[in-house]
Structures are given as structure tokens and as C-alpha cells.
Amino acid sequence: MYSAIGNYVRERRQDLGLSQEQLAERVGGTYGQSDISRIERGHIELPRLATMVSLAASLEVPVGNLLIASGWFNEGHFNVVSQPSAETRDARLDVVLAEIESELNAIRDLEHQAEFRATKLRAMIRDLKATSGTSVSMVAD
């Protein structure tokens, strides 16, 4: 049985110097050596999406390469997207980290406000008890 994706996987695996067992370990999950063998021999023409993603990562190639090798897509189906520079990735990471820090600060402010209000309510209850002689307690809902 002929399989373009099987040939691609075999060639890429061999280029990386991996055995079928080692590739299966990289793919992870319940994937084993026999599954890699089945792909390479053409018994699996198009693995499930999750497997394709893991397989591509394990072979250190884009998923698009596997889809093209499978014959389901051709190179015209994909737009080349350049990888962002390290500087751009760092800038994006800085923005995300700043947003997270801002959210944490907002949560801390809410906690402080809640503590302040609870302290104020306790003081009001003490004053009410002292002036009225009435038994009052504070219960949280």
C-alpha cells in the first residue's frame, strides 16, 4: 500500500535519527511503535487532528507539511506566515505580563476593600452593642 504521508513520516523520522519507538514516545498518549509503522506503511492515510499535531511537533515540522504530504492539501492552500522576531515575541510577552499584573493588582485592591469594609462593619456592630445593649452578630452569606 502506497502512502505519501507514510513516506514523509519515515524520511523525516530517519532524518532525525529516530526509531519508530522513539517517535511514538515523542508523540505520546496511547501512540505506540505499531501506530507509527501503520502510518509509514500507508495503513493510516490521515491520522486524527490531535495525532497530526503531536506527530508534526514530534517530527519538528509544521502540521501543514503533513497535510500536504497526505495529499489532502497542496502548498497553495497555505499562506506563509513569518515567525515573529524574538524582539516582537518579547514585546508581546511584556504586554501579556503587564495585563496579568494589572489584573492581580485589581484583585488585591478588591481584597483590601473587602477587608476595610469588614473592619468598618465590625466597628459599627461594636458601637451598636455598646450604645443599645442589644445583642448583634455579623454572619457572612
N, C-alpha and C. Protein backbone atom coordinates (compact mmCIF):
# COMPACT_ATOMS: atom_id res chain seq x y z
N MET A 1 0.85 -1.18 0.00
CA MET A 1 0.00 0.00 0.00
C MET A 1 0.90 1.24 0.00
N TYR A 2 0.65 2.19 -0.90
CA TYR A 2 1.47 3.40 -1.03
C TYR A 2 0.86 4.51 -0.19
N SER A 3 1.69 5.28 0.47
CA SER A 3 1.22 6.43 1.24
C SER A 3 2.27 7.52 1.22
N ALA A 4 1.91 8.64 0.64
CA ALA A 4 2.85 9.77 0.61
C ALA A 4 3.16 10.26 2.01
N ILE A 5 2.13 10.32 2.87
CA ILE A 5 2.38 10.78 4.24
C ILE A 5 3.27 9.77 4.96
N GLY A 6 3.05 8.49 4.70
CA GLY A 6 3.88 7.45 5.32
C GLY A 6 5.34 7.60 4.94
N ASN A 7 5.58 7.86 3.64
CA ASN A 7 6.96 8.07 3.18
C ASN A 7 7.55 9.31 3.83
N TYR A 8 6.74 10.38 3.91
CA TYR A 8 7.22 11.63 4.50
C TYR A 8 7.60 11.40 5.97
N VAL A 9 6.72 10.73 6.71
CA VAL A 9 6.98 10.47 8.13
C VAL A 9 8.25 9.63 8.28
N ARG A 10 8.38 8.57 7.47
CA ARG A 10 9.56 7.69 7.56
C ARG A 10 10.83 8.48 7.27
N GLU A 11 10.82 9.26 6.18
CA GLU A 11 12.02 10.02 5.81
C GLU A 11 12.38 11.04 6.88
N ARG A 12 11.38 11.75 7.40
CA ARG A 12 11.65 12.77 8.42
C ARG A 12 12.14 12.10 9.70
N ARG A 13 11.53 10.99 10.09
CA ARG A 13 11.95 10.25 11.29
C ARG A 13 13.40 9.82 11.14
N GLN A 14 13.75 9.29 9.98
CA GLN A 14 15.12 8.85 9.74
C GLN A 14 16.09 10.03 9.72
N ASP A 15 15.66 11.16 9.14
CA ASP A 15 16.49 12.36 9.15
C ASP A 15 16.83 12.79 10.58
N LEU A 16 15.86 12.60 11.48
CA LEU A 16 16.07 12.97 12.88
C LEU A 16 16.81 11.88 13.66
N GLY A 17 17.04 10.75 13.00
CA GLY A 17 17.75 9.65 13.65
C GLY A 17 16.92 8.94 14.71
N LEU A 18 15.60 8.91 14.51
CA LEU A 18 14.71 8.30 15.48
C LEU A 18 14.25 6.93 15.01
N SER A 19 14.07 6.04 15.96
CA SER A 19 13.42 4.76 15.66
C SER A 19 11.91 5.00 15.72
N GLN A 20 11.15 4.02 15.25
CA GLN A 20 9.70 4.13 15.36
C GLN A 20 9.28 4.23 16.82
N GLU A 21 9.94 3.49 17.68
CA GLU A 21 9.63 3.54 19.12
C GLU A 21 9.88 4.93 19.70
N GLN A 22 11.00 5.52 19.32
CA GLN A 22 11.34 6.85 19.84
C GLN A 22 10.34 7.90 19.34
N LEU A 23 9.94 7.79 18.08
CA LEU A 23 8.95 8.73 17.56
C LEU A 23 7.63 8.55 18.29
N ALA A 24 7.23 7.31 18.51
CA ALA A 24 5.98 7.05 19.23
C ALA A 24 6.03 7.66 20.64
N GLU A 25 7.17 7.55 21.30
CA GLU A 25 7.32 8.16 22.63
C GLU A 25 7.16 9.67 22.56
N ARG A 26 7.72 10.28 21.51
CA ARG A 26 7.58 11.73 21.33
C ARG A 26 6.13 12.12 21.10
N VAL A 27 5.42 11.32 20.29
CA VAL A 27 4.01 11.61 20.01
C VAL A 27 3.21 11.52 21.29
N GLY A 28 3.52 10.53 22.11
CA GLY A 28 2.89 10.41 23.42
C GLY A 28 1.50 9.80 23.37
N GLY A 29 0.80 9.96 24.48
CA GLY A 29 -0.54 9.40 24.59
C GLY A 29 -0.50 7.89 24.47
N THR A 30 -1.45 7.36 23.74
CA THR A 30 -1.53 5.91 23.58
C THR A 30 -0.83 5.46 22.30
N TYR A 31 -0.13 6.40 21.64
CA TYR A 31 0.53 6.06 20.38
C TYR A 31 1.73 5.17 20.63
N GLY A 32 1.82 4.10 19.86
CA GLY A 32 2.93 3.16 20.01
C GLY A 32 3.66 2.96 18.70
N GLN A 33 4.69 2.15 18.76
CA GLN A 33 5.51 1.85 17.59
C GLN A 33 4.66 1.28 16.46
N SER A 34 3.69 0.44 16.79
CA SER A 34 2.86 -0.17 15.75
C SER A 34 2.03 0.87 15.00
N ASP A 35 1.63 1.94 15.70
CA ASP A 35 0.88 3.01 15.04
C ASP A 35 1.77 3.76 14.05
N ILE A 36 3.01 4.02 14.45
CA ILE A 36 3.96 4.68 13.54
C ILE A 36 4.19 3.78 12.33
N SER A 37 4.35 2.49 12.58
CA SER A 37 4.55 1.54 11.48
C SER A 37 3.35 1.55 10.53
N ARG A 38 2.16 1.60 11.08
CA ARG A 38 0.94 1.61 10.24
C ARG A 38 0.88 2.87 9.38
N ILE A 39 1.29 4.02 9.95
CA ILE A 39 1.31 5.25 9.16
C ILE A 39 2.32 5.11 8.03
N GLU A 40 3.52 4.67 8.38
CA GLU A 40 4.59 4.57 7.39
C GLU A 40 4.27 3.56 6.28
N ARG A 41 3.52 2.53 6.59
CA ARG A 41 3.15 1.53 5.58
C ARG A 41 1.89 1.90 4.81
N GLY A 42 1.27 3.05 5.15
CA GLY A 42 0.10 3.51 4.42
C GLY A 42 -1.22 2.95 4.91
N HIS A 43 -1.23 2.31 6.07
CA HIS A 43 -2.48 1.77 6.61
C HIS A 43 -3.30 2.86 7.30
N ILE A 44 -2.67 3.96 7.61
CA ILE A 44 -3.38 5.13 8.13
C ILE A 44 -3.05 6.27 7.17
N GLU A 45 -4.04 6.70 6.40
CA GLU A 45 -3.80 7.72 5.39
C GLU A 45 -3.78 9.13 5.98
N LEU A 46 -4.66 9.36 6.95
CA LEU A 46 -4.74 10.68 7.56
C LEU A 46 -5.08 10.50 9.04
N PRO A 47 -4.08 10.63 9.90
CA PRO A 47 -4.34 10.49 11.35
C PRO A 47 -5.30 11.57 11.84
N ARG A 48 -5.87 11.33 12.99
CA ARG A 48 -6.76 12.32 13.62
C ARG A 48 -5.99 13.62 13.87
N LEU A 49 -6.75 14.71 13.99
CA LEU A 49 -6.12 16.03 14.12
C LEU A 49 -5.16 16.10 15.30
N ALA A 50 -5.58 15.64 16.47
CA ALA A 50 -4.71 15.70 17.64
C ALA A 50 -3.41 14.92 17.40
N THR A 51 -3.55 13.79 16.72
CA THR A 51 -2.37 12.99 16.41
C THR A 51 -1.48 13.72 15.41
N MET A 52 -2.11 14.36 14.42
CA MET A 52 -1.34 15.11 13.42
C MET A 52 -0.53 16.21 14.09
N VAL A 53 -1.15 16.90 15.02
CA VAL A 53 -0.46 18.00 15.71
C VAL A 53 0.72 17.45 16.51
N SER A 54 0.50 16.36 17.26
CA SER A 54 1.58 15.75 18.04
C SER A 54 2.66 15.18 17.15
N LEU A 55 2.24 14.54 16.06
CA LEU A 55 3.19 13.94 15.13
C LEU A 55 4.05 15.02 14.49
N ALA A 56 3.42 16.12 14.06
CA ALA A 56 4.18 17.21 13.45
C ALA A 56 5.18 17.80 14.44
N ALA A 57 4.74 18.02 15.66
CA ALA A 57 5.65 18.56 16.68
C ALA A 57 6.79 17.58 16.94
N SER A 58 6.47 16.30 16.97
CA SER A 58 7.49 15.28 17.21
C SER A 58 8.50 15.19 16.08
N LEU A 59 8.02 15.45 14.86
CA LEU A 59 8.91 15.43 13.69
C LEU A 59 9.55 16.79 13.44
N GLU A 60 9.18 17.78 14.28
CA GLU A 60 9.72 19.14 14.19
C GLU A 60 9.43 19.78 12.84
N VAL A 61 8.17 19.62 12.39
CA VAL A 61 7.71 20.22 11.14
C VAL A 61 6.34 20.85 11.37
N PRO A 62 5.93 21.79 10.52
CA PRO A 62 4.58 22.33 10.63
C PRO A 62 3.54 21.28 10.27
N VAL A 63 2.36 21.37 10.85
CA VAL A 63 1.27 20.44 10.54
C VAL A 63 0.96 20.50 9.05
N GLY A 64 1.09 21.68 8.47
CA GLY A 64 0.83 21.83 7.04
C GLY A 64 1.66 20.88 6.19
N ASN A 65 2.88 20.62 6.58
CA ASN A 65 3.73 19.69 5.83
C ASN A 65 3.10 18.30 5.80
N LEU A 66 2.54 17.87 6.93
CA LEU A 66 1.90 16.55 6.96
C LEU A 66 0.63 16.54 6.12
N LEU A 67 -0.12 17.62 6.16
CA LEU A 67 -1.35 17.69 5.36
C LEU A 67 -1.04 17.69 3.87
N ILE A 68 0.02 18.38 3.50
CA ILE A 68 0.44 18.38 2.10
C ILE A 68 0.92 16.98 1.71
N ALA A 69 1.71 16.36 2.58
CA ALA A 69 2.22 15.01 2.30
C ALA A 69 1.08 14.01 2.19
N SER A 70 -0.01 14.25 2.92
CA SER A 70 -1.15 13.32 2.87
C SER A 70 -1.92 13.44 1.57
N GLY A 71 -1.71 14.55 0.85
CA GLY A 71 -2.44 14.76 -0.39
C GLY A 71 -3.77 15.48 -0.20
N TRP A 72 -4.13 15.76 1.02
CA TRP A 72 -5.38 16.45 1.29
C TRP A 72 -5.30 17.94 0.97
N PHE A 73 -4.10 18.48 0.98
CA PHE A 73 -3.88 19.89 0.67
C PHE A 73 -2.66 20.00 -0.23
N ASN A 74 -2.55 21.16 -0.88
CA ASN A 74 -1.33 21.42 -1.62
C ASN A 74 -0.74 22.71 -1.08
N GLU A 75 0.43 23.05 -1.53
CA GLU A 75 1.12 24.22 -0.97
C GLU A 75 0.35 25.50 -1.17
N GLY A 76 -0.51 25.56 -2.17
CA GLY A 76 -1.31 26.76 -2.42
C GLY A 76 -2.37 27.01 -1.38
N HIS A 77 -2.68 25.99 -0.57
CA HIS A 77 -3.69 26.15 0.47
C HIS A 77 -3.19 26.92 1.68
N PHE A 78 -1.90 27.08 1.79
CA PHE A 78 -1.34 27.68 2.98
C PHE A 78 -0.65 28.99 2.65
N ASN A 79 -0.87 29.97 3.49
CA ASN A 79 -0.15 31.23 3.38
C ASN A 79 1.09 31.14 4.26
N VAL A 80 2.17 31.62 3.74
CA VAL A 80 3.39 31.62 4.52
C VAL A 80 3.29 32.73 5.55
N VAL A 81 3.43 32.36 6.78
CA VAL A 81 3.40 33.32 7.88
C VAL A 81 4.78 33.32 8.50
N SER A 82 5.40 34.47 8.46
CA SER A 82 6.74 34.52 9.03
C SER A 82 6.67 34.46 10.55
N GLN A 83 7.66 33.85 11.13
CA GLN A 83 7.75 33.78 12.57
C GLN A 83 8.10 35.16 13.10
N PRO A 84 7.45 35.57 14.18
CA PRO A 84 7.82 36.87 14.74
C PRO A 84 9.25 36.82 15.28
N SER A 85 9.89 37.96 15.23
CA SER A 85 11.25 38.03 15.76
C SER A 85 11.21 37.85 17.27
N ALA A 86 12.35 37.54 17.82
CA ALA A 86 12.45 37.40 19.28
C ALA A 86 12.05 38.70 19.97
N GLU A 87 12.40 39.81 19.35
CA GLU A 87 12.05 41.12 19.92
C GLU A 87 10.54 41.30 19.95
N THR A 88 9.86 40.92 18.86
CA THR A 88 8.40 41.03 18.79
C THR A 88 7.75 40.10 19.81
N ARG A 89 8.25 38.85 19.91
CA ARG A 89 7.70 37.91 20.90
C ARG A 89 7.89 38.45 22.31
N ASP A 90 9.07 39.02 22.58
CA ASP A 90 9.34 39.57 23.91
C ASP A 90 8.40 40.74 24.20
N ALA A 91 8.15 41.58 23.20
CA ALA A 91 7.26 42.72 23.38
C ALA A 91 5.84 42.23 23.67
N ARG A 92 5.39 41.21 22.93
CA ARG A 92 4.05 40.65 23.17
C ARG A 92 3.98 40.05 24.56
N LEU A 93 5.02 39.34 24.95
CA LEU A 93 5.07 38.73 26.27
C LEU A 93 5.01 39.81 27.35
N ASP A 94 5.72 40.91 27.15
CA ASP A 94 5.69 42.01 28.10
C ASP A 94 4.28 42.57 28.25
N VAL A 95 3.55 42.68 27.14
CA VAL A 95 2.18 43.19 27.18
C VAL A 95 1.29 42.23 27.97
N VAL A 96 1.40 40.94 27.69
CA VAL A 96 0.59 39.95 28.40
C VAL A 96 0.92 39.95 29.89
N LEU A 97 2.20 39.99 30.21
CA LEU A 97 2.59 40.02 31.62
C LEU A 97 2.09 41.27 32.33
N ALA A 98 2.11 42.39 31.63
CA ALA A 98 1.60 43.64 32.21
C ALA A 98 0.10 43.54 32.47
N GLU A 99 -0.63 42.92 31.52
CA GLU A 99 -2.07 42.73 31.71
C GLU A 99 -2.36 41.83 32.91
N ILE A 100 -1.58 40.77 33.05
CA ILE A 100 -1.75 39.86 34.18
C ILE A 100 -1.47 40.59 35.49
N GLU A 101 -0.39 41.35 35.51
CA GLU A 101 -0.04 42.11 36.72
C GLU A 101 -1.14 43.10 37.08
N SER A 102 -1.71 43.74 36.07
CA SER A 102 -2.81 44.69 36.29
C SER A 102 -4.02 43.98 36.90
N GLU A 103 -4.35 42.81 36.38
CA GLU A 103 -5.47 42.04 36.92
C GLU A 103 -5.20 41.63 38.36
N LEU A 104 -3.97 41.20 38.65
CA LEU A 104 -3.62 40.82 40.02
C LEU A 104 -3.73 42.01 40.96
N ASN A 105 -3.30 43.16 40.50
CA ASN A 105 -3.42 44.36 41.33
C ASN A 105 -4.87 44.71 41.58
N ALA A 106 -5.73 44.56 40.58
CA ALA A 106 -7.15 44.83 40.76
C ALA A 106 -7.75 43.87 41.79
N ILE A 107 -7.35 42.61 41.74
CA ILE A 107 -7.84 41.63 42.71
C ILE A 107 -7.36 41.99 44.12
N ARG A 108 -6.09 42.39 44.23
CA ARG A 108 -5.56 42.80 45.54
C ARG A 108 -6.32 44.00 46.08
N ASP A 109 -6.64 44.97 45.21
CA ASP A 109 -7.41 46.14 45.63
C ASP A 109 -8.79 45.74 46.14
N LEU A 110 -9.44 44.81 45.44
CA LEU A 110 -10.75 44.33 45.88
C LEU A 110 -10.66 43.63 47.23
N GLU A 111 -9.60 42.86 47.42
CA GLU A 111 -9.41 42.19 48.71
C GLU A 111 -9.23 43.20 49.83
N HIS A 112 -8.44 44.26 49.58
CA HIS A 112 -8.22 45.30 50.58
C HIS A 112 -9.52 46.04 50.89
N GLN A 113 -10.31 46.31 49.84
CA GLN A 113 -11.59 46.98 50.05
C GLN A 113 -12.51 46.11 50.90
N ALA A 114 -12.54 44.82 50.62
CA ALA A 114 -13.39 43.91 51.40
C ALA A 114 -12.94 43.87 52.85
N GLU A 115 -11.63 43.81 53.07
CA GLU A 115 -11.11 43.79 54.44
C GLU A 115 -11.46 45.10 55.16
N PHE A 116 -11.31 46.22 54.48
CA PHE A 116 -11.63 47.52 55.06
C PHE A 116 -13.11 47.58 55.45
N ARG A 117 -13.98 47.14 54.55
CA ARG A 117 -15.43 47.18 54.83
C ARG A 117 -15.79 46.24 55.98
N ALA A 118 -15.17 45.06 56.02
CA ALA A 118 -15.44 44.13 57.11
C ALA A 118 -15.01 44.74 58.45
N THR A 119 -13.85 45.38 58.48
CA THR A 119 -13.36 46.03 59.70
C THR A 119 -14.32 47.14 60.12
N LYS A 120 -14.78 47.92 59.16
CA LYS A 120 -15.70 49.02 59.44
C LYS A 120 -17.03 48.48 59.99
N LEU A 121 -17.54 47.39 59.40
CA LEU A 121 -18.79 46.80 59.88
C LEU A 121 -18.63 46.26 61.30
N ARG A 122 -17.50 45.63 61.58
CA ARG A 122 -17.25 45.12 62.94
C ARG A 122 -17.25 46.27 63.96
N ALA A 123 -16.63 47.37 63.57
CA ALA A 123 -16.60 48.54 64.47
C ALA A 123 -18.01 49.07 64.68
N MET A 124 -18.82 49.11 63.64
CA MET A 124 -20.20 49.60 63.76
C MET A 124 -21.01 48.68 64.68
N ILE A 125 -20.80 47.38 64.56
CA ILE A 125 -21.52 46.42 65.41
C ILE A 125 -21.11 46.61 66.87
N ARG A 126 -19.80 46.78 67.10
CA ARG A 126 -19.32 47.02 68.48
C ARG A 126 -19.97 48.27 69.06
N ASP A 127 -20.00 49.35 68.25
CA ASP A 127 -20.59 50.60 68.72
C ASP A 127 -22.08 50.42 69.00
N LEU A 128 -22.77 49.69 68.13
CA LEU A 128 -24.21 49.46 68.29
C LEU A 128 -24.47 48.67 69.57
N LYS A 129 -23.67 47.64 69.81
CA LYS A 129 -23.81 46.84 71.02
C LYS A 129 -23.59 47.70 72.27
N ALA A 130 -22.56 48.52 72.19
CA ALA A 130 -22.19 49.34 73.35
C ALA A 130 -23.26 50.38 73.65
N THR A 131 -23.88 50.95 72.66
CA THR A 131 -24.84 52.02 72.89
C THR A 131 -26.26 51.52 73.11
N SER A 132 -26.61 50.36 72.55
CA SER A 132 -28.00 49.92 72.66
C SER A 132 -28.19 48.77 73.64
N GLY A 133 -27.11 48.08 73.96
CA GLY A 133 -27.24 46.93 74.84
C GLY A 133 -27.88 45.73 74.11
N THR A 134 -28.05 45.85 72.81
CA THR A 134 -28.67 44.80 72.05
C THR A 134 -27.59 43.82 71.57
N SER A 135 -27.95 42.54 71.50
CA SER A 135 -27.01 41.54 71.01
C SER A 135 -27.09 41.50 69.49
N VAL A 136 -26.02 41.81 68.84
CA VAL A 136 -25.94 41.84 67.38
C VAL A 136 -24.72 41.02 66.97
N SER A 137 -24.89 40.22 65.93
CA SER A 137 -23.75 39.47 65.42
C SER A 137 -23.70 39.60 63.92
N MET A 138 -22.52 39.39 63.38
CA MET A 138 -22.31 39.51 61.95
C MET A 138 -22.16 38.10 61.38
N VAL A 139 -22.97 37.77 60.37
CA VAL A 139 -22.93 36.47 59.74
C VAL A 139 -22.64 36.67 58.26
N ALA A 140 -21.68 35.93 57.75
CA ALA A 140 -21.34 36.04 56.32
C ALA A 140 -22.26 35.12 55.54
N ASP A 141 -22.69 35.63 54.37
CA ASP A 141 -23.52 34.80 53.48
C ASP A 141 -22.66 34.06 52.52
